[in-house]
Structures are given as C-alpha cells and as structure tokens.
N, C-alpha and C. Protein backbone atom coordinates (compact mmCIF):
# COMPACT_ATOMS: atom_id res chain seq x y z
N ASN A 1 5.26 27.01 -17.73
CA ASN A 1 5.26 27.65 -19.04
C ASN A 1 4.20 27.01 -19.92
N PRO A 2 3.14 27.75 -20.29
CA PRO A 2 2.06 27.18 -21.10
C PRO A 2 2.48 26.86 -22.53
N GLN A 3 3.65 27.30 -22.95
CA GLN A 3 4.09 27.09 -24.33
C GLN A 3 4.84 25.78 -24.54
N ILE A 4 5.15 25.06 -23.47
CA ILE A 4 5.92 23.82 -23.61
C ILE A 4 5.04 22.74 -24.23
N PRO A 5 5.45 22.17 -25.36
CA PRO A 5 4.63 21.14 -26.01
C PRO A 5 4.70 19.79 -25.28
N ALA A 6 3.74 18.93 -25.56
CA ALA A 6 3.64 17.64 -24.88
C ALA A 6 4.88 16.78 -25.11
N THR A 7 5.46 16.86 -26.31
CA THR A 7 6.63 16.03 -26.61
C THR A 7 7.82 16.39 -25.72
N VAL A 8 7.97 17.67 -25.40
CA VAL A 8 9.07 18.10 -24.52
C VAL A 8 8.82 17.60 -23.10
N TRP A 9 7.56 17.66 -22.65
CA TRP A 9 7.24 17.13 -21.33
C TRP A 9 7.59 15.65 -21.23
N GLN A 10 7.30 14.90 -22.28
CA GLN A 10 7.59 13.47 -22.26
C GLN A 10 9.09 13.22 -22.11
N LEU A 11 9.89 14.02 -22.83
CA LEU A 11 11.34 13.87 -22.73
C LEU A 11 11.84 14.23 -21.33
N PHE A 12 11.25 15.29 -20.77
CA PHE A 12 11.64 15.72 -19.43
C PHE A 12 11.27 14.67 -18.39
N PHE A 13 10.05 14.14 -18.47
CA PHE A 13 9.59 13.16 -17.49
C PHE A 13 10.40 11.87 -17.58
N ALA A 14 10.92 11.56 -18.77
CA ALA A 14 11.74 10.36 -18.92
C ALA A 14 13.00 10.43 -18.05
N CYS A 15 13.44 11.65 -17.72
CA CYS A 15 14.63 11.80 -16.86
C CYS A 15 14.40 11.19 -15.48
N PHE A 16 13.13 11.17 -15.03
CA PHE A 16 12.83 10.62 -13.71
C PHE A 16 13.09 9.11 -13.66
N GLU A 17 13.16 8.47 -14.81
CA GLU A 17 13.32 7.02 -14.86
C GLU A 17 14.76 6.58 -14.63
N HIS A 18 15.70 7.52 -14.74
CA HIS A 18 17.11 7.14 -14.60
C HIS A 18 17.40 6.70 -13.17
N PRO A 19 18.07 5.56 -12.99
CA PRO A 19 18.29 5.03 -11.64
C PRO A 19 19.15 5.93 -10.75
N ASN A 20 19.93 6.83 -11.36
CA ASN A 20 20.81 7.70 -10.56
C ASN A 20 20.23 9.08 -10.30
N VAL A 21 18.97 9.29 -10.68
CA VAL A 21 18.38 10.61 -10.48
C VAL A 21 18.29 10.90 -8.98
N MET A 22 18.69 12.11 -8.58
CA MET A 22 18.79 12.47 -7.17
C MET A 22 17.78 13.55 -6.77
N LEU A 23 16.85 13.87 -7.66
CA LEU A 23 15.90 14.94 -7.38
C LEU A 23 15.01 14.60 -6.19
N GLU A 24 14.87 15.54 -5.27
CA GLU A 24 13.98 15.36 -4.13
C GLU A 24 12.80 16.31 -4.17
N ASP A 25 12.97 17.48 -4.80
CA ASP A 25 11.90 18.48 -4.89
C ASP A 25 11.85 19.02 -6.32
N VAL A 26 10.65 18.97 -6.92
CA VAL A 26 10.45 19.49 -8.28
C VAL A 26 9.21 20.38 -8.27
N ASN A 27 9.36 21.58 -8.84
CA ASN A 27 8.25 22.54 -8.88
C ASN A 27 7.79 22.70 -10.32
N LEU A 28 6.56 22.25 -10.60
CA LEU A 28 5.98 22.39 -11.94
C LEU A 28 4.74 23.30 -11.90
N CYS A 29 4.66 24.17 -10.89
CA CYS A 29 3.51 25.05 -10.71
C CYS A 29 3.22 25.88 -11.96
N GLY A 30 1.94 25.99 -12.28
CA GLY A 30 1.50 26.91 -13.32
C GLY A 30 1.77 26.48 -14.73
N ASN A 31 2.34 25.31 -14.95
CA ASN A 31 2.60 24.84 -16.30
C ASN A 31 1.35 24.21 -16.90
N LYS A 32 1.32 24.16 -18.23
CA LYS A 32 0.18 23.56 -18.92
C LYS A 32 0.40 22.05 -19.00
N ILE A 33 -0.13 21.37 -18.02
CA ILE A 33 -0.01 19.91 -17.95
C ILE A 33 -1.42 19.32 -17.94
N THR A 34 -1.65 18.38 -18.82
CA THR A 34 -2.97 17.76 -18.95
C THR A 34 -2.94 16.33 -18.43
N ASP A 35 -4.06 15.66 -18.55
CA ASP A 35 -4.14 14.26 -18.12
C ASP A 35 -3.13 13.39 -18.85
N LYS A 36 -2.89 13.71 -20.12
CA LYS A 36 -1.93 12.93 -20.91
C LYS A 36 -0.52 13.05 -20.33
N GLU A 37 -0.11 14.26 -20.00
CA GLU A 37 1.21 14.44 -19.40
C GLU A 37 1.28 13.80 -18.01
N MET A 38 0.17 13.86 -17.27
CA MET A 38 0.14 13.23 -15.96
C MET A 38 0.38 11.73 -16.06
N ALA A 39 -0.18 11.12 -17.11
CA ALA A 39 0.01 9.68 -17.32
C ALA A 39 1.48 9.37 -17.57
N HIS A 40 2.15 10.19 -18.39
CA HIS A 40 3.58 9.98 -18.68
C HIS A 40 4.43 10.19 -17.42
N LEU A 41 4.10 11.22 -16.65
CA LEU A 41 4.84 11.51 -15.43
C LEU A 41 4.68 10.37 -14.41
N ALA A 42 3.45 9.90 -14.27
CA ALA A 42 3.18 8.81 -13.33
C ALA A 42 3.93 7.55 -13.74
N GLN A 43 3.94 7.27 -15.04
CA GLN A 43 4.65 6.08 -15.52
C GLN A 43 6.14 6.17 -15.22
N SER A 44 6.70 7.35 -15.38
CA SER A 44 8.13 7.53 -15.08
C SER A 44 8.42 7.30 -13.61
N LEU A 45 7.51 7.75 -12.75
CA LEU A 45 7.71 7.54 -11.31
C LEU A 45 7.53 6.08 -10.92
N CYS A 46 6.73 5.34 -11.71
CA CYS A 46 6.57 3.90 -11.46
C CYS A 46 7.87 3.16 -11.78
N VAL A 47 8.56 3.61 -12.82
CA VAL A 47 9.81 2.97 -13.21
C VAL A 47 10.87 3.17 -12.12
N ASN A 48 10.90 4.36 -11.55
CA ASN A 48 11.90 4.66 -10.53
C ASN A 48 11.24 5.41 -9.38
N ASN A 49 10.96 4.68 -8.27
CA ASN A 49 10.35 5.32 -7.11
C ASN A 49 11.28 6.35 -6.48
N GLY A 50 12.57 6.09 -6.56
CA GLY A 50 13.62 7.06 -6.25
C GLY A 50 13.50 7.82 -4.96
N ARG A 51 13.94 9.08 -5.01
CA ARG A 51 14.07 9.92 -3.82
C ARG A 51 13.09 11.09 -3.81
N LEU A 52 12.28 11.23 -4.86
CA LEU A 52 11.41 12.40 -4.98
C LEU A 52 10.41 12.45 -3.82
N GLU A 53 10.41 13.58 -3.10
CA GLU A 53 9.51 13.75 -1.97
C GLU A 53 8.42 14.78 -2.25
N THR A 54 8.78 15.83 -2.99
CA THR A 54 7.82 16.90 -3.29
C THR A 54 7.75 17.13 -4.79
N LEU A 55 6.55 17.05 -5.34
CA LEU A 55 6.31 17.35 -6.75
C LEU A 55 5.17 18.35 -6.78
N ASP A 56 5.50 19.63 -6.88
CA ASP A 56 4.50 20.69 -6.76
C ASP A 56 3.78 20.89 -8.08
N LEU A 57 2.51 20.49 -8.11
CA LEU A 57 1.68 20.65 -9.31
C LEU A 57 0.59 21.69 -9.07
N GLY A 58 0.82 22.60 -8.14
CA GLY A 58 -0.16 23.63 -7.82
C GLY A 58 -0.42 24.56 -9.01
N GLY A 59 -1.64 25.08 -9.07
CA GLY A 59 -1.99 26.03 -10.12
C GLY A 59 -2.22 25.40 -11.47
N ILE A 60 -2.33 24.09 -11.52
CA ILE A 60 -2.59 23.40 -12.80
C ILE A 60 -4.06 23.01 -12.82
N SER A 61 -4.83 23.72 -13.61
CA SER A 61 -6.29 23.53 -13.61
C SER A 61 -6.77 22.57 -14.70
N SER A 62 -5.86 22.15 -15.57
CA SER A 62 -6.29 21.33 -16.72
C SER A 62 -6.26 19.83 -16.43
N VAL A 63 -5.95 19.45 -15.20
CA VAL A 63 -5.91 18.04 -14.83
C VAL A 63 -7.24 17.64 -14.21
N THR A 64 -7.82 16.56 -14.72
CA THR A 64 -9.10 16.06 -14.20
C THR A 64 -8.85 14.91 -13.21
N ASN A 65 -9.91 14.36 -12.67
CA ASN A 65 -9.78 13.22 -11.76
C ASN A 65 -9.09 12.04 -12.43
N ALA A 66 -9.29 11.90 -13.73
CA ALA A 66 -8.64 10.80 -14.46
C ALA A 66 -7.12 10.97 -14.43
N GLY A 67 -6.65 12.21 -14.53
CA GLY A 67 -5.21 12.48 -14.47
C GLY A 67 -4.64 12.20 -13.09
N TRP A 68 -5.38 12.63 -12.05
CA TRP A 68 -4.92 12.38 -10.68
C TRP A 68 -4.92 10.89 -10.35
N ALA A 69 -5.83 10.14 -10.98
CA ALA A 69 -5.92 8.69 -10.71
C ALA A 69 -4.62 7.97 -11.05
N HIS A 70 -3.87 8.49 -12.04
CA HIS A 70 -2.58 7.88 -12.37
C HIS A 70 -1.64 7.93 -11.16
N PHE A 71 -1.72 9.02 -10.39
CA PHE A 71 -0.86 9.15 -9.22
C PHE A 71 -1.34 8.29 -8.06
N SER A 72 -2.65 8.06 -7.98
CA SER A 72 -3.14 7.13 -6.97
C SER A 72 -2.54 5.75 -7.17
N ARG A 73 -2.41 5.33 -8.43
CA ARG A 73 -1.82 4.01 -8.71
C ARG A 73 -0.32 4.01 -8.44
N VAL A 74 0.34 5.16 -8.64
CA VAL A 74 1.77 5.24 -8.33
C VAL A 74 1.98 5.04 -6.82
N LEU A 75 1.16 5.70 -6.02
CA LEU A 75 1.33 5.64 -4.57
C LEU A 75 0.81 4.34 -3.97
N CYS A 76 -0.14 3.70 -4.64
CA CYS A 76 -0.67 2.44 -4.11
C CYS A 76 -1.37 1.67 -5.22
N ASP A 77 -0.61 0.79 -5.88
CA ASP A 77 -1.19 -0.11 -6.87
C ASP A 77 -1.81 -1.28 -6.13
N LYS A 78 -3.13 -1.32 -6.07
CA LYS A 78 -3.83 -2.26 -5.19
C LYS A 78 -4.02 -3.64 -5.80
N SER A 79 -3.34 -3.95 -6.90
CA SER A 79 -3.54 -5.23 -7.58
C SER A 79 -3.19 -6.42 -6.70
N SER A 80 -2.16 -6.30 -5.89
CA SER A 80 -1.71 -7.42 -5.05
C SER A 80 -0.85 -6.87 -3.91
N VAL A 81 -0.48 -7.76 -2.98
CA VAL A 81 0.42 -7.35 -1.90
C VAL A 81 1.75 -6.88 -2.47
N THR A 82 2.24 -7.60 -3.48
CA THR A 82 3.54 -7.25 -4.08
C THR A 82 3.51 -5.88 -4.72
N THR A 83 2.44 -5.57 -5.46
CA THR A 83 2.38 -4.26 -6.13
C THR A 83 2.20 -3.13 -5.13
N ILE A 84 1.47 -3.40 -4.04
CA ILE A 84 1.36 -2.37 -2.99
C ILE A 84 2.73 -2.13 -2.37
N TYR A 85 3.42 -3.21 -2.05
CA TYR A 85 4.75 -3.09 -1.42
C TYR A 85 5.72 -2.34 -2.33
N SER A 86 5.59 -2.54 -3.65
CA SER A 86 6.51 -1.93 -4.61
C SER A 86 6.08 -0.53 -5.04
N SER A 87 4.96 -0.05 -4.51
CA SER A 87 4.48 1.29 -4.87
C SER A 87 5.40 2.36 -4.28
N ASN A 88 5.11 3.60 -4.64
CA ASN A 88 5.92 4.72 -4.18
C ASN A 88 5.54 5.09 -2.75
N HIS A 89 6.51 5.06 -1.84
CA HIS A 89 6.26 5.41 -0.44
C HIS A 89 7.08 6.64 -0.02
N THR A 90 7.69 7.33 -0.98
CA THR A 90 8.53 8.49 -0.66
C THR A 90 7.87 9.82 -1.02
N LEU A 91 7.01 9.84 -2.04
CA LEU A 91 6.39 11.10 -2.48
C LEU A 91 5.40 11.56 -1.41
N ARG A 92 5.62 12.77 -0.88
CA ARG A 92 4.85 13.24 0.26
C ARG A 92 3.90 14.39 -0.06
N SER A 93 4.17 15.09 -1.17
CA SER A 93 3.35 16.26 -1.49
C SER A 93 3.25 16.46 -2.99
N LEU A 94 2.04 16.86 -3.44
CA LEU A 94 1.83 17.22 -4.84
C LEU A 94 1.39 18.68 -4.96
N GLY A 95 1.63 19.45 -3.91
CA GLY A 95 1.29 20.87 -3.97
C GLY A 95 -0.07 21.16 -3.36
N ASP A 96 -0.86 21.96 -4.04
CA ASP A 96 -2.14 22.46 -3.55
C ASP A 96 -3.11 21.32 -3.24
N GLN A 97 -3.37 21.09 -1.97
CA GLN A 97 -4.21 19.97 -1.57
C GLN A 97 -5.68 20.16 -1.93
N ASP A 98 -6.09 21.42 -2.16
CA ASP A 98 -7.50 21.69 -2.45
C ASP A 98 -7.94 21.11 -3.79
N VAL A 99 -7.02 20.92 -4.71
CA VAL A 99 -7.40 20.42 -6.04
C VAL A 99 -7.14 18.92 -6.18
N ILE A 100 -6.54 18.33 -5.16
CA ILE A 100 -6.19 16.90 -5.22
C ILE A 100 -7.33 16.08 -4.63
N PRO A 101 -7.76 15.02 -5.32
CA PRO A 101 -8.85 14.18 -4.79
C PRO A 101 -8.54 13.63 -3.41
N ALA A 102 -9.59 13.38 -2.64
CA ALA A 102 -9.42 12.96 -1.24
C ALA A 102 -8.64 11.66 -1.10
N ASP A 103 -8.88 10.69 -1.99
CA ASP A 103 -8.19 9.41 -1.86
C ASP A 103 -6.69 9.57 -2.07
N LEU A 104 -6.32 10.46 -3.00
CA LEU A 104 -4.90 10.71 -3.25
C LEU A 104 -4.27 11.45 -2.07
N ASN A 105 -5.00 12.40 -1.48
CA ASN A 105 -4.50 13.08 -0.29
C ASN A 105 -4.28 12.11 0.86
N ASP A 106 -5.16 11.11 0.99
CA ASP A 106 -5.00 10.10 2.04
C ASP A 106 -3.70 9.32 1.84
N LEU A 107 -3.39 8.97 0.59
CA LEU A 107 -2.16 8.22 0.30
C LEU A 107 -0.93 9.08 0.58
N LEU A 108 -1.00 10.35 0.25
CA LEU A 108 0.12 11.26 0.53
C LEU A 108 0.34 11.39 2.04
N ARG A 109 -0.78 11.44 2.80
CA ARG A 109 -0.66 11.51 4.26
C ARG A 109 0.00 10.25 4.81
N LEU A 110 -0.36 9.10 4.25
CA LEU A 110 0.29 7.85 4.67
C LEU A 110 1.79 7.90 4.42
N ASN A 111 2.18 8.42 3.24
CA ASN A 111 3.60 8.52 2.92
C ASN A 111 4.34 9.44 3.88
N ARG A 112 3.64 10.42 4.41
CA ARG A 112 4.27 11.36 5.35
C ARG A 112 4.31 10.81 6.77
N SER A 113 3.64 9.70 7.01
CA SER A 113 3.41 9.26 8.38
C SER A 113 4.56 8.49 9.02
N GLY A 114 5.53 8.02 8.24
CA GLY A 114 6.60 7.26 8.88
C GLY A 114 7.60 6.69 7.90
N LYS A 115 8.35 5.70 8.37
CA LYS A 115 9.37 5.07 7.54
C LYS A 115 8.72 4.23 6.45
N GLN A 116 9.48 3.99 5.36
CA GLN A 116 8.92 3.31 4.20
C GLN A 116 8.36 1.94 4.55
N ASN A 117 9.08 1.15 5.37
CA ASN A 117 8.59 -0.18 5.71
C ASN A 117 7.25 -0.13 6.43
N ASN A 118 7.10 0.83 7.35
CA ASN A 118 5.84 0.98 8.06
C ASN A 118 4.73 1.47 7.14
N VAL A 119 5.09 2.37 6.22
CA VAL A 119 4.09 2.90 5.29
C VAL A 119 3.59 1.79 4.36
N SER A 120 4.50 0.98 3.84
CA SER A 120 4.08 -0.10 2.95
C SER A 120 3.19 -1.09 3.69
N ARG A 121 3.53 -1.39 4.95
CA ARG A 121 2.70 -2.29 5.76
C ARG A 121 1.32 -1.70 5.98
N ASP A 122 1.25 -0.41 6.32
CA ASP A 122 -0.05 0.24 6.55
C ASP A 122 -0.91 0.20 5.29
N LYS A 123 -0.29 0.40 4.14
CA LYS A 123 -1.05 0.35 2.89
C LYS A 123 -1.58 -1.05 2.61
N ILE A 124 -0.75 -2.06 2.89
CA ILE A 124 -1.18 -3.44 2.69
C ILE A 124 -2.36 -3.77 3.60
N LEU A 125 -2.26 -3.38 4.87
CA LEU A 125 -3.35 -3.62 5.82
C LEU A 125 -4.62 -2.91 5.38
N ARG A 126 -4.47 -1.67 4.94
CA ARG A 126 -5.64 -0.86 4.62
C ARG A 126 -6.29 -1.24 3.30
N TYR A 127 -5.48 -1.49 2.28
CA TYR A 127 -6.05 -1.64 0.94
C TYR A 127 -6.13 -3.08 0.44
N HIS A 128 -5.28 -3.97 0.96
CA HIS A 128 -5.38 -5.36 0.50
C HIS A 128 -6.36 -6.15 1.35
N PHE A 129 -6.41 -5.82 2.66
CA PHE A 129 -7.25 -6.59 3.56
C PHE A 129 -8.48 -5.84 4.04
N GLN A 130 -8.78 -4.68 3.43
CA GLN A 130 -9.83 -3.84 3.98
C GLN A 130 -11.20 -4.52 4.02
N ASN A 131 -11.60 -5.18 2.94
CA ASN A 131 -12.91 -5.83 2.93
C ASN A 131 -12.82 -7.30 2.59
N GLY A 132 -11.62 -7.79 2.38
CA GLY A 132 -11.51 -9.07 1.71
C GLY A 132 -11.34 -10.27 2.60
N LYS A 133 -12.42 -10.98 2.86
CA LYS A 133 -12.30 -12.23 3.59
C LYS A 133 -11.49 -13.23 2.77
N ALA A 134 -11.57 -13.15 1.44
CA ALA A 134 -10.78 -14.04 0.59
C ALA A 134 -9.30 -13.78 0.80
N ASN A 135 -8.93 -12.50 0.96
CA ASN A 135 -7.53 -12.17 1.22
C ASN A 135 -7.09 -12.68 2.58
N ILE A 136 -7.96 -12.61 3.56
CA ILE A 136 -7.64 -13.12 4.89
C ILE A 136 -7.44 -14.63 4.82
N GLN A 137 -8.20 -15.30 3.98
CA GLN A 137 -8.05 -16.75 3.84
C GLN A 137 -6.66 -17.13 3.34
N LYS A 138 -6.02 -16.24 2.59
CA LYS A 138 -4.65 -16.52 2.15
C LYS A 138 -3.72 -16.62 3.36
N LEU A 139 -3.94 -15.75 4.35
CA LEU A 139 -3.16 -15.85 5.58
C LEU A 139 -3.52 -17.11 6.35
N ALA A 140 -4.82 -17.39 6.40
CA ALA A 140 -5.28 -18.55 7.16
C ALA A 140 -4.73 -19.85 6.60
N GLY A 141 -4.40 -19.87 5.31
CA GLY A 141 -3.89 -21.09 4.69
C GLY A 141 -2.39 -21.29 4.84
N MET A 142 -1.73 -20.41 5.60
CA MET A 142 -0.28 -20.54 5.77
C MET A 142 0.07 -21.76 6.62
N LYS A 143 1.27 -22.26 6.41
CA LYS A 143 1.75 -23.38 7.21
C LYS A 143 1.96 -22.94 8.65
N SER A 144 1.84 -23.88 9.57
CA SER A 144 1.89 -23.55 10.98
C SER A 144 3.22 -22.94 11.41
N ASN A 145 4.31 -23.30 10.73
CA ASN A 145 5.61 -22.78 11.15
C ASN A 145 5.84 -21.32 10.74
N VAL A 146 4.97 -20.77 9.88
CA VAL A 146 5.08 -19.34 9.53
C VAL A 146 3.88 -18.54 10.01
N LEU A 147 2.87 -19.24 10.49
CA LEU A 147 1.63 -18.57 10.89
C LEU A 147 1.87 -17.56 12.00
N HIS A 148 2.72 -17.90 12.97
CA HIS A 148 2.97 -16.97 14.09
C HIS A 148 3.67 -15.71 13.61
N HIS A 149 4.49 -15.82 12.53
CA HIS A 149 5.12 -14.62 11.97
C HIS A 149 4.05 -13.69 11.37
N ALA A 150 3.06 -14.29 10.70
CA ALA A 150 1.99 -13.50 10.10
C ALA A 150 1.20 -12.76 11.18
N ILE A 151 0.91 -13.44 12.29
CA ILE A 151 0.16 -12.82 13.38
C ILE A 151 0.97 -11.66 13.98
N ALA A 152 2.28 -11.89 14.18
CA ALA A 152 3.14 -10.83 14.72
C ALA A 152 3.19 -9.63 13.77
N TRP A 153 3.22 -9.90 12.46
CA TRP A 153 3.26 -8.83 11.46
C TRP A 153 1.98 -8.02 11.50
N ILE A 154 0.84 -8.69 11.63
CA ILE A 154 -0.44 -8.00 11.68
C ILE A 154 -0.49 -7.06 12.88
N CYS A 155 0.03 -7.51 14.02
CA CYS A 155 -0.12 -6.75 15.27
C CYS A 155 1.02 -5.78 15.54
N ARG A 156 2.00 -5.71 14.66
CA ARG A 156 3.17 -4.89 14.93
C ARG A 156 2.78 -3.43 15.15
N ASN A 157 3.44 -2.79 16.10
CA ASN A 157 3.21 -1.38 16.43
C ASN A 157 1.81 -1.12 16.95
N GLY A 158 1.12 -2.16 17.42
CA GLY A 158 -0.19 -1.96 18.03
C GLY A 158 -1.29 -1.62 17.04
N THR A 159 -1.08 -1.87 15.75
CA THR A 159 -2.11 -1.61 14.76
C THR A 159 -2.58 -2.93 14.16
N GLY A 160 -3.56 -2.86 13.29
CA GLY A 160 -4.06 -4.06 12.62
C GLY A 160 -5.02 -4.88 13.44
N HIS A 161 -5.67 -4.26 14.44
CA HIS A 161 -6.54 -5.02 15.33
C HIS A 161 -7.75 -5.60 14.60
N MET A 162 -8.36 -4.83 13.70
CA MET A 162 -9.53 -5.34 12.99
C MET A 162 -9.16 -6.53 12.11
N LEU A 163 -8.00 -6.43 11.45
CA LEU A 163 -7.56 -7.54 10.62
C LEU A 163 -7.29 -8.77 11.48
N LEU A 164 -6.67 -8.57 12.65
CA LEU A 164 -6.40 -9.70 13.54
C LEU A 164 -7.71 -10.35 13.97
N TYR A 165 -8.70 -9.53 14.28
CA TYR A 165 -10.01 -10.05 14.68
C TYR A 165 -10.62 -10.92 13.57
N GLU A 166 -10.62 -10.39 12.34
CA GLU A 166 -11.17 -11.15 11.21
C GLU A 166 -10.34 -12.40 10.95
N PHE A 167 -9.03 -12.27 11.10
CA PHE A 167 -8.13 -13.39 10.88
C PHE A 167 -8.41 -14.52 11.86
N LEU A 168 -8.55 -14.19 13.15
CA LEU A 168 -8.81 -15.21 14.16
C LEU A 168 -10.20 -15.81 13.98
N LYS A 169 -11.15 -15.00 13.51
CA LYS A 169 -12.48 -15.55 13.23
C LYS A 169 -12.42 -16.60 12.12
N SER A 170 -11.47 -16.40 11.19
CA SER A 170 -11.38 -17.34 10.07
C SER A 170 -10.70 -18.65 10.46
N ILE A 171 -10.00 -18.66 11.62
CA ILE A 171 -9.38 -19.89 12.12
C ILE A 171 -9.82 -20.07 13.57
N PRO A 172 -11.06 -20.48 13.80
CA PRO A 172 -11.55 -20.58 15.18
C PRO A 172 -10.73 -21.53 16.03
N SER A 173 -10.04 -22.48 15.42
CA SER A 173 -9.26 -23.44 16.20
C SER A 173 -8.10 -22.78 16.94
N LEU A 174 -7.72 -21.57 16.54
CA LEU A 174 -6.64 -20.88 17.23
C LEU A 174 -7.08 -20.31 18.58
N VAL A 175 -8.37 -20.07 18.72
CA VAL A 175 -8.86 -19.43 19.94
C VAL A 175 -9.87 -20.28 20.69
N ALA A 176 -10.46 -21.30 20.05
CA ALA A 176 -11.46 -22.14 20.72
C ALA A 176 -10.81 -23.44 21.16
N PRO A 177 -11.15 -23.93 22.35
CA PRO A 177 -10.59 -25.21 22.80
C PRO A 177 -11.02 -26.35 21.89
N ILE A 178 -10.08 -27.21 21.53
CA ILE A 178 -10.38 -28.39 20.75
C ILE A 178 -9.92 -29.60 21.54
N TYR A 179 -10.81 -30.50 21.77
CA TYR A 179 -10.50 -31.67 22.57
C TYR A 179 -10.81 -32.94 21.78
N VAL A 180 -10.12 -34.01 22.13
CA VAL A 180 -10.46 -35.32 21.57
C VAL A 180 -10.76 -36.25 22.74
N ALA A 181 -11.75 -37.07 22.57
CA ALA A 181 -12.13 -37.99 23.64
C ALA A 181 -11.20 -39.18 23.64
N ASN A 182 -10.89 -39.70 24.86
CA ASN A 182 -10.12 -40.93 24.93
C ASN A 182 -11.07 -42.12 24.76
N THR A 183 -10.55 -43.32 24.86
CA THR A 183 -11.37 -44.50 24.59
C THR A 183 -12.52 -44.65 25.57
N SER A 184 -12.34 -44.16 26.80
CA SER A 184 -13.42 -44.30 27.78
C SER A 184 -14.49 -43.24 27.60
N GLY A 185 -14.16 -42.18 26.87
CA GLY A 185 -15.12 -41.10 26.67
C GLY A 185 -15.30 -40.20 27.87
N VAL A 186 -14.43 -40.38 28.90
CA VAL A 186 -14.57 -39.57 30.11
C VAL A 186 -13.66 -38.37 30.08
N LYS A 187 -12.36 -38.60 29.90
CA LYS A 187 -11.39 -37.52 29.89
C LYS A 187 -11.15 -37.05 28.46
N ARG A 188 -10.87 -35.77 28.35
CA ARG A 188 -10.54 -35.21 27.04
C ARG A 188 -9.26 -34.40 27.15
N LYS A 189 -8.56 -34.27 26.07
CA LYS A 189 -7.31 -33.53 26.10
C LYS A 189 -7.21 -32.60 24.90
N ARG A 190 -6.40 -31.57 25.06
CA ARG A 190 -6.15 -30.66 23.94
C ARG A 190 -5.25 -31.35 22.93
N VAL A 191 -5.41 -30.98 21.68
CA VAL A 191 -4.58 -31.58 20.66
C VAL A 191 -3.74 -30.51 20.00
N SER A 192 -2.54 -30.91 19.60
CA SER A 192 -1.66 -29.98 18.89
C SER A 192 -1.80 -30.17 17.41
N HIS A 193 -1.46 -29.13 16.68
CA HIS A 193 -1.57 -29.16 15.22
C HIS A 193 -0.27 -28.62 14.66
N GLY A 194 0.52 -29.49 14.06
CA GLY A 194 1.79 -29.04 13.52
C GLY A 194 2.72 -28.65 14.66
N ASN A 195 3.26 -27.42 14.56
CA ASN A 195 4.22 -26.96 15.56
C ASN A 195 3.62 -26.02 16.59
N TYR A 196 2.30 -25.85 16.55
CA TYR A 196 1.70 -24.95 17.52
C TYR A 196 0.51 -25.62 18.17
N LEU A 197 0.18 -25.16 19.35
CA LEU A 197 -0.91 -25.74 20.11
C LEU A 197 -2.19 -24.99 19.81
N LEU A 198 -3.23 -25.71 19.52
CA LEU A 198 -4.53 -25.09 19.37
C LEU A 198 -5.10 -24.87 20.76
N PHE A 199 -5.46 -23.65 21.08
CA PHE A 199 -5.88 -23.40 22.45
C PHE A 199 -7.13 -22.51 22.47
C-alpha cells in the first residue's frame, strides 16, 4: 500500500523485535518502502533473528543499493567472528532476485544451503578469513591444547582447504621436520612442543 506512512512502518517493523514472534513468511510486495524503512526493518531483524525465512520485498523500486546494504549486514556482519556467528542465518529469500545486489543474493544462498551451524561456519570461513593473514595469525597463536580443535573445525565437512593451506603455511613447524642436535652433533631427534609433536 503506497499510502502507508513511514511512522506506521516503524511501528510494524518493531513487532519483529519481540522474542515470541513466530512469523516465518511475510509478504510486503508492492508497498512504498524506501531506504529509510529498510534500515528500520533491518535493525528489527538484528534485534531478533527469530524464525523468519521469507520476506518478500518484490516490486519495490524505491530501494537503492544503500537500502539493500542494511540487509547484507543483517545476514553477515563482518566486524568479527562473533558478529558473523550472531548474524541472521534463517532468512532465505527477499523476493525478486533480479533487483537484489549480487552480494546479498550470495548470502541468501548460503542461508539456504544447510543447517544454521554449518551456515555460520561457512560465513566465518568465507568472510573473516578470506584475505586476512592477520586473521589466520589469531588461529596460529592458539595454545597447543586447543590447536588441534581449530584444525578439525577448519577441515570439517571437507571444506576450508584454502584456509588450512594458509594456516599451515603460517606455522611451518607443524609440517616441517624440526630437529635438535645432540652433544656429539651426529644424531638428531624430533622435538615436541607442548602437547603435540612437531612433525
């Protein structure tokens, strides 16, 4: 309805913030919604990721890339691992894909691809570690008794191979032989580090 004022939209979108809201499908096709309303709607979905799976915004021509960007942050706030993990992993569709920016469509496809835990992991691998050697160094600095858990997490479900490659490059001692010479300088032996063997 093009006659609905912005103040009414704000009141309606605030309903999404209630912890007991059970809505799974909402159709807002053809309504007069602008970037400003998109910002309010996105903020409400940030407060409560909830159960909403389909939010049909088809036929809304007044939303620009700036408006859609609010939803990109809802689906994947790339500020940190924690914010990515806490992002929305349930929203699967925003309606007409032809008007939705490609990056947002990619995030929606990820949400459709599997269970929430796997989706959050895929987003962390893709967006937190995509180019960041500094981020990989955070893993490399882990204590030895948790390091093997990190490696298992990276490789789970047969994915994360590029990250594992970069990770192992950052700790060459995990894959390269390290030896120490004995007093005679003839024989050498492998040395252990913490609770794991460097091999």
